[in-house]
N, C-alpha and C. Protein backbone atom coordinates (compact mmCIF):
# COMPACT_ATOMS: atom_id res chain seq x y z
N MET A 1 -12.57 2.87 1.40
CA MET A 1 -12.00 1.96 2.37
C MET A 1 -10.75 1.31 1.77
N PRO A 2 -9.62 2.01 1.79
CA PRO A 2 -8.39 1.46 1.21
C PRO A 2 -7.77 0.34 2.04
N PHE A 3 -7.24 -0.64 1.35
CA PHE A 3 -6.49 -1.74 1.96
C PHE A 3 -5.07 -1.65 1.42
N ILE A 4 -4.10 -1.57 2.31
CA ILE A 4 -2.70 -1.44 1.94
C ILE A 4 -1.94 -2.63 2.50
N GLU A 5 -1.21 -3.33 1.62
CA GLU A 5 -0.36 -4.44 2.05
C GLU A 5 1.06 -4.14 1.58
N LEU A 6 1.97 -4.07 2.54
CA LEU A 6 3.37 -3.83 2.22
C LEU A 6 4.11 -5.15 2.44
N GLU A 7 4.58 -5.73 1.36
CA GLU A 7 5.34 -6.98 1.40
C GLU A 7 6.80 -6.64 1.15
N THR A 8 7.69 -7.16 1.99
CA THR A 8 9.10 -6.85 1.82
C THR A 8 9.98 -7.99 2.29
N ASN A 9 11.16 -8.07 1.70
CA ASN A 9 12.14 -9.03 2.19
C ASN A 9 13.04 -8.41 3.25
N LEU A 10 12.79 -7.17 3.61
CA LEU A 10 13.50 -6.57 4.73
C LEU A 10 13.10 -7.30 6.01
N PRO A 11 14.05 -7.57 6.90
CA PRO A 11 13.67 -8.19 8.17
C PRO A 11 12.88 -7.20 9.02
N ALA A 12 12.09 -7.72 9.93
CA ALA A 12 11.28 -6.86 10.80
C ALA A 12 12.14 -5.83 11.54
N SER A 13 13.37 -6.19 11.83
CA SER A 13 14.27 -5.27 12.55
C SER A 13 14.64 -4.04 11.73
N ARG A 14 14.45 -4.11 10.40
CA ARG A 14 14.75 -2.95 9.53
C ARG A 14 13.51 -2.12 9.21
N ILE A 15 12.36 -2.52 9.73
CA ILE A 15 11.13 -1.75 9.53
C ILE A 15 11.07 -0.70 10.63
N PRO A 16 11.04 0.57 10.26
CA PRO A 16 11.01 1.63 11.28
C PRO A 16 9.79 1.50 12.19
N ALA A 17 9.99 1.73 13.48
CA ALA A 17 8.89 1.69 14.44
C ALA A 17 7.81 2.69 14.02
N GLY A 18 6.56 2.26 14.09
CA GLY A 18 5.44 3.13 13.76
C GLY A 18 5.17 3.30 12.28
N LEU A 19 5.86 2.50 11.44
CA LEU A 19 5.67 2.64 9.99
C LEU A 19 4.21 2.46 9.59
N GLU A 20 3.53 1.50 10.22
CA GLU A 20 2.13 1.24 9.84
C GLU A 20 1.26 2.47 10.05
N LYS A 21 1.51 3.23 11.11
CA LYS A 21 0.72 4.43 11.37
C LYS A 21 1.03 5.54 10.36
N ARG A 22 2.32 5.70 10.05
CA ARG A 22 2.70 6.72 9.07
C ARG A 22 2.23 6.34 7.67
N LEU A 23 2.27 5.05 7.34
CA LEU A 23 1.77 4.60 6.04
C LEU A 23 0.26 4.80 5.96
N CYS A 24 -0.44 4.58 7.04
CA CYS A 24 -1.88 4.83 7.09
C CYS A 24 -2.18 6.30 6.82
N ALA A 25 -1.48 7.19 7.51
CA ALA A 25 -1.69 8.63 7.33
C ALA A 25 -1.33 9.06 5.91
N ALA A 26 -0.21 8.54 5.38
CA ALA A 26 0.19 8.89 4.02
C ALA A 26 -0.84 8.40 3.01
N THR A 27 -1.34 7.20 3.21
CA THR A 27 -2.36 6.63 2.31
C THR A 27 -3.61 7.50 2.30
N ALA A 28 -4.05 7.90 3.48
CA ALA A 28 -5.24 8.75 3.57
C ALA A 28 -5.05 10.04 2.78
N THR A 29 -3.88 10.63 2.89
CA THR A 29 -3.58 11.86 2.16
C THR A 29 -3.50 11.60 0.66
N ILE A 30 -2.73 10.59 0.28
CA ILE A 30 -2.51 10.29 -1.14
C ILE A 30 -3.81 9.93 -1.85
N LEU A 31 -4.65 9.12 -1.20
CA LEU A 31 -5.90 8.67 -1.84
C LEU A 31 -7.09 9.55 -1.51
N ASP A 32 -6.89 10.56 -0.66
CA ASP A 32 -7.97 11.46 -0.23
C ASP A 32 -9.13 10.67 0.38
N LYS A 33 -8.77 9.83 1.34
CA LYS A 33 -9.75 9.01 2.07
C LYS A 33 -9.57 9.27 3.56
N PRO A 34 -10.62 9.06 4.37
CA PRO A 34 -10.47 9.25 5.82
C PRO A 34 -9.47 8.25 6.40
N GLU A 35 -8.61 8.73 7.27
CA GLU A 35 -7.58 7.87 7.85
C GLU A 35 -8.18 6.70 8.63
N ASP A 36 -9.34 6.90 9.26
CA ASP A 36 -9.93 5.81 10.04
C ASP A 36 -10.57 4.72 9.17
N ARG A 37 -10.53 4.90 7.86
CA ARG A 37 -11.03 3.87 6.94
C ARG A 37 -9.91 3.05 6.30
N VAL A 38 -8.66 3.45 6.52
CA VAL A 38 -7.52 2.79 5.89
C VAL A 38 -7.10 1.58 6.73
N SER A 39 -6.86 0.45 6.06
CA SER A 39 -6.36 -0.76 6.71
C SER A 39 -4.97 -1.07 6.16
N VAL A 40 -3.99 -1.21 7.06
CA VAL A 40 -2.60 -1.43 6.67
C VAL A 40 -2.10 -2.76 7.22
N THR A 41 -1.48 -3.55 6.36
CA THR A 41 -0.83 -4.80 6.77
C THR A 41 0.63 -4.74 6.34
N LEU A 42 1.53 -5.00 7.28
CA LEU A 42 2.97 -5.06 6.98
C LEU A 42 3.40 -6.52 7.02
N LYS A 43 4.13 -6.95 5.99
CA LYS A 43 4.63 -8.31 5.91
C LYS A 43 6.13 -8.30 5.68
N PRO A 44 6.92 -8.16 6.75
CA PRO A 44 8.38 -8.16 6.60
C PRO A 44 8.91 -9.59 6.51
N GLY A 45 10.17 -9.72 6.12
CA GLY A 45 10.85 -11.00 6.12
C GLY A 45 10.38 -12.01 5.10
N MET A 46 9.73 -11.53 4.04
CA MET A 46 9.24 -12.44 3.00
C MET A 46 10.37 -12.80 2.04
N THR A 47 10.21 -13.90 1.34
CA THR A 47 11.14 -14.27 0.29
C THR A 47 10.68 -13.59 -0.98
N LEU A 48 11.45 -12.63 -1.48
CA LEU A 48 11.07 -11.88 -2.67
C LEU A 48 12.25 -11.77 -3.63
N LEU A 49 11.95 -11.88 -4.89
CA LEU A 49 12.91 -11.66 -5.96
C LEU A 49 12.32 -10.60 -6.87
N MET A 50 13.07 -9.53 -7.12
CA MET A 50 12.58 -8.46 -7.97
C MET A 50 13.67 -8.10 -8.96
N ASN A 51 13.32 -8.05 -10.22
CA ASN A 51 14.28 -7.70 -11.27
C ASN A 51 15.52 -8.59 -11.22
N GLY A 52 15.31 -9.87 -10.92
CA GLY A 52 16.40 -10.83 -10.89
C GLY A 52 17.30 -10.75 -9.68
N SER A 53 16.89 -10.00 -8.65
CA SER A 53 17.73 -9.79 -7.48
C SER A 53 16.93 -9.99 -6.19
N THR A 54 17.60 -10.52 -5.18
CA THR A 54 16.98 -10.64 -3.85
C THR A 54 17.43 -9.51 -2.92
N GLU A 55 18.05 -8.48 -3.48
CA GLU A 55 18.39 -7.30 -2.68
C GLU A 55 17.10 -6.74 -2.07
N PRO A 56 17.21 -5.96 -0.98
CA PRO A 56 16.00 -5.44 -0.32
C PRO A 56 15.04 -4.77 -1.32
N CYS A 57 13.76 -5.13 -1.16
CA CYS A 57 12.73 -4.60 -2.06
C CYS A 57 11.38 -4.60 -1.36
N VAL A 58 10.42 -3.94 -2.01
CA VAL A 58 9.06 -3.81 -1.49
C VAL A 58 8.06 -3.95 -2.62
N GLN A 59 6.98 -4.68 -2.33
CA GLN A 59 5.79 -4.65 -3.17
C GLN A 59 4.69 -4.01 -2.33
N LEU A 60 4.07 -2.98 -2.85
CA LEU A 60 2.96 -2.33 -2.16
C LEU A 60 1.69 -2.62 -2.94
N LEU A 61 0.72 -3.23 -2.29
CA LEU A 61 -0.56 -3.52 -2.92
C LEU A 61 -1.58 -2.52 -2.39
N VAL A 62 -2.22 -1.81 -3.30
CA VAL A 62 -3.17 -0.75 -2.94
C VAL A 62 -4.52 -1.11 -3.54
N SER A 63 -5.49 -1.38 -2.67
CA SER A 63 -6.85 -1.72 -3.12
C SER A 63 -7.81 -0.71 -2.52
N SER A 64 -8.73 -0.21 -3.34
CA SER A 64 -9.68 0.77 -2.83
C SER A 64 -10.85 0.92 -3.79
N ILE A 65 -11.92 1.49 -3.27
CA ILE A 65 -13.12 1.78 -4.06
C ILE A 65 -12.98 3.18 -4.64
N GLY A 66 -13.11 3.29 -5.95
CA GLY A 66 -13.28 4.57 -6.59
C GLY A 66 -12.07 5.45 -6.84
N VAL A 67 -10.89 5.09 -6.32
CA VAL A 67 -9.77 6.02 -6.48
C VAL A 67 -8.53 5.41 -7.13
N VAL A 68 -8.57 4.15 -7.52
CA VAL A 68 -7.41 3.52 -8.15
C VAL A 68 -7.78 2.86 -9.48
N GLY A 69 -8.74 3.41 -10.17
CA GLY A 69 -9.27 2.77 -11.37
C GLY A 69 -8.74 3.26 -12.70
N THR A 70 -7.93 4.33 -12.71
CA THR A 70 -7.44 4.83 -13.99
C THR A 70 -5.93 5.06 -13.94
N ALA A 71 -5.32 5.09 -15.12
CA ALA A 71 -3.88 5.34 -15.21
C ALA A 71 -3.54 6.71 -14.64
N GLU A 72 -4.37 7.70 -14.90
CA GLU A 72 -4.12 9.05 -14.42
C GLU A 72 -4.14 9.09 -12.89
N GLN A 73 -5.15 8.46 -12.29
CA GLN A 73 -5.22 8.41 -10.83
C GLN A 73 -3.98 7.72 -10.26
N ASN A 74 -3.67 6.56 -10.81
CA ASN A 74 -2.58 5.76 -10.26
C ASN A 74 -1.21 6.40 -10.47
N ARG A 75 -1.05 7.16 -11.52
CA ARG A 75 0.22 7.88 -11.72
C ARG A 75 0.44 8.85 -10.57
N ASN A 76 -0.60 9.57 -10.20
CA ASN A 76 -0.49 10.52 -9.09
C ASN A 76 -0.26 9.79 -7.76
N HIS A 77 -1.02 8.72 -7.54
CA HIS A 77 -0.85 7.94 -6.30
C HIS A 77 0.55 7.34 -6.22
N SER A 78 1.02 6.81 -7.35
CA SER A 78 2.34 6.18 -7.40
C SER A 78 3.42 7.15 -6.95
N SER A 79 3.34 8.36 -7.42
CA SER A 79 4.32 9.38 -7.05
C SER A 79 4.37 9.57 -5.54
N GLY A 80 3.21 9.70 -4.92
CA GLY A 80 3.15 9.90 -3.47
C GLY A 80 3.67 8.71 -2.69
N PHE A 81 3.28 7.51 -3.11
CA PHE A 81 3.74 6.30 -2.41
C PHE A 81 5.24 6.10 -2.59
N PHE A 82 5.77 6.34 -3.80
CA PHE A 82 7.21 6.20 -4.02
C PHE A 82 7.99 7.17 -3.14
N GLU A 83 7.52 8.40 -3.04
CA GLU A 83 8.19 9.39 -2.19
C GLU A 83 8.22 8.90 -0.75
N PHE A 84 7.08 8.43 -0.27
CA PHE A 84 6.98 7.94 1.11
C PHE A 84 7.90 6.74 1.34
N LEU A 85 7.84 5.74 0.47
CA LEU A 85 8.58 4.50 0.69
C LEU A 85 10.09 4.67 0.56
N THR A 86 10.53 5.46 -0.41
CA THR A 86 11.98 5.66 -0.56
C THR A 86 12.55 6.38 0.68
N LYS A 87 11.79 7.30 1.22
CA LYS A 87 12.23 8.03 2.40
C LYS A 87 12.21 7.14 3.65
N GLU A 88 11.12 6.42 3.86
CA GLU A 88 10.95 5.62 5.08
C GLU A 88 11.84 4.38 5.11
N LEU A 89 12.04 3.74 3.95
CA LEU A 89 12.75 2.46 3.93
C LEU A 89 14.14 2.55 3.31
N ALA A 90 14.54 3.73 2.88
CA ALA A 90 15.87 3.93 2.28
C ALA A 90 16.12 2.96 1.12
N LEU A 91 15.13 2.83 0.24
CA LEU A 91 15.25 1.99 -0.95
C LEU A 91 15.23 2.85 -2.20
N ASP A 92 15.95 2.41 -3.22
CA ASP A 92 15.87 3.08 -4.52
C ASP A 92 14.53 2.76 -5.16
N GLN A 93 14.07 3.64 -6.06
CA GLN A 93 12.79 3.43 -6.71
C GLN A 93 12.73 2.14 -7.51
N ASP A 94 13.86 1.66 -8.02
CA ASP A 94 13.84 0.42 -8.80
C ASP A 94 13.68 -0.82 -7.92
N ARG A 95 13.63 -0.64 -6.60
CA ARG A 95 13.42 -1.76 -5.67
C ARG A 95 12.02 -1.73 -5.06
N ILE A 96 11.15 -0.94 -5.68
CA ILE A 96 9.76 -0.79 -5.21
C ILE A 96 8.82 -1.01 -6.38
N ILE A 97 7.80 -1.81 -6.15
CA ILE A 97 6.73 -2.00 -7.13
C ILE A 97 5.40 -1.74 -6.41
N ILE A 98 4.52 -1.03 -7.09
CA ILE A 98 3.19 -0.77 -6.54
C ILE A 98 2.17 -1.41 -7.47
N ARG A 99 1.26 -2.17 -6.89
CA ARG A 99 0.19 -2.81 -7.67
C ARG A 99 -1.15 -2.26 -7.18
N PHE A 100 -1.92 -1.72 -8.12
CA PHE A 100 -3.21 -1.11 -7.80
C PHE A 100 -4.35 -2.06 -8.16
N PHE A 101 -5.30 -2.20 -7.24
CA PHE A 101 -6.45 -3.06 -7.46
C PHE A 101 -7.73 -2.28 -7.16
N PRO A 102 -8.47 -1.90 -8.21
CA PRO A 102 -9.75 -1.23 -7.95
C PRO A 102 -10.76 -2.23 -7.37
N LEU A 103 -11.53 -1.78 -6.40
CA LEU A 103 -12.54 -2.62 -5.77
C LEU A 103 -13.93 -2.04 -6.02
N GLU A 104 -14.90 -2.90 -5.99
CA GLU A 104 -16.31 -2.51 -6.04
C GLU A 104 -16.89 -2.70 -4.64
N PRO A 105 -17.91 -1.93 -4.27
CA PRO A 105 -18.48 -2.04 -2.92
C PRO A 105 -18.95 -3.46 -2.56
N TRP A 106 -19.41 -4.22 -3.52
CA TRP A 106 -19.89 -5.57 -3.23
C TRP A 106 -18.75 -6.55 -2.92
N GLN A 107 -17.49 -6.13 -3.11
CA GLN A 107 -16.35 -7.00 -2.85
C GLN A 107 -15.80 -6.88 -1.43
N ILE A 108 -16.38 -5.99 -0.61
CA ILE A 108 -15.90 -5.78 0.75
C ILE A 108 -17.02 -6.07 1.74
N GLY A 109 -16.78 -7.07 2.58
CA GLY A 109 -17.74 -7.41 3.61
C GLY A 109 -17.48 -6.63 4.88
N LYS A 110 -18.57 -6.12 5.48
CA LYS A 110 -18.45 -5.36 6.72
C LYS A 110 -19.78 -5.38 7.44
N LYS A 111 -19.73 -5.55 8.76
CA LYS A 111 -20.92 -5.52 9.61
C LYS A 111 -21.99 -6.51 9.14
N GLY A 112 -21.58 -7.69 8.71
CA GLY A 112 -22.52 -8.74 8.32
C GLY A 112 -23.16 -8.55 6.97
N THR A 113 -22.65 -7.61 6.18
CA THR A 113 -23.19 -7.37 4.84
C THR A 113 -22.01 -6.97 3.95
N VAL A 114 -22.28 -6.29 2.87
CA VAL A 114 -21.23 -5.75 2.03
C VAL A 114 -21.39 -4.24 1.93
N MET A 115 -20.33 -3.56 1.56
CA MET A 115 -20.34 -2.09 1.54
C MET A 115 -21.46 -1.51 0.66
N THR A 116 -21.91 -2.25 -0.31
CA THR A 116 -22.99 -1.78 -1.18
C THR A 116 -24.20 -1.35 -0.35
N PHE A 117 -24.46 -2.07 0.74
CA PHE A 117 -25.66 -1.84 1.53
C PHE A 117 -25.42 -1.00 2.80
N LEU A 118 -24.22 -0.47 2.93
CA LEU A 118 -23.94 0.37 4.10
C LEU A 118 -23.92 1.84 3.73
C-alpha cells in the first residue's frame, strides 16, 4: 500500500493535468504494487528551498510496506521516479529529491484496524 506525496514550489497551473493518475500508474509499476492500492497526494505551490535555491523543485516522499527498505531497492526505484518526474515536470535531476520511508503493517490504519490484521 504505497503512499506518494509530491511536494513542489511549482504553481498548480504548471502541474500537468492528470499527473496524479500517471504518477499512480508509474508508482505501481516502479514498486511492483497493484495500482488500486497506491495513494497519491500532490502539493503544488509550496514554499521550498533546495540546494540554496528557490528555483522550481520537487520533493517526492515514497512510503510503502516491504519495497523501500534497502539501498538496492531504492536505487532502482529512484531511477524510475527520476525518469518519470524529469519528463513530466521538465525539471533537471538536481531539482528533485526523493525520500523513502519503509512502513510496517501496524503503521497503517484501514477498515477500523491496522494492516497487520487484514
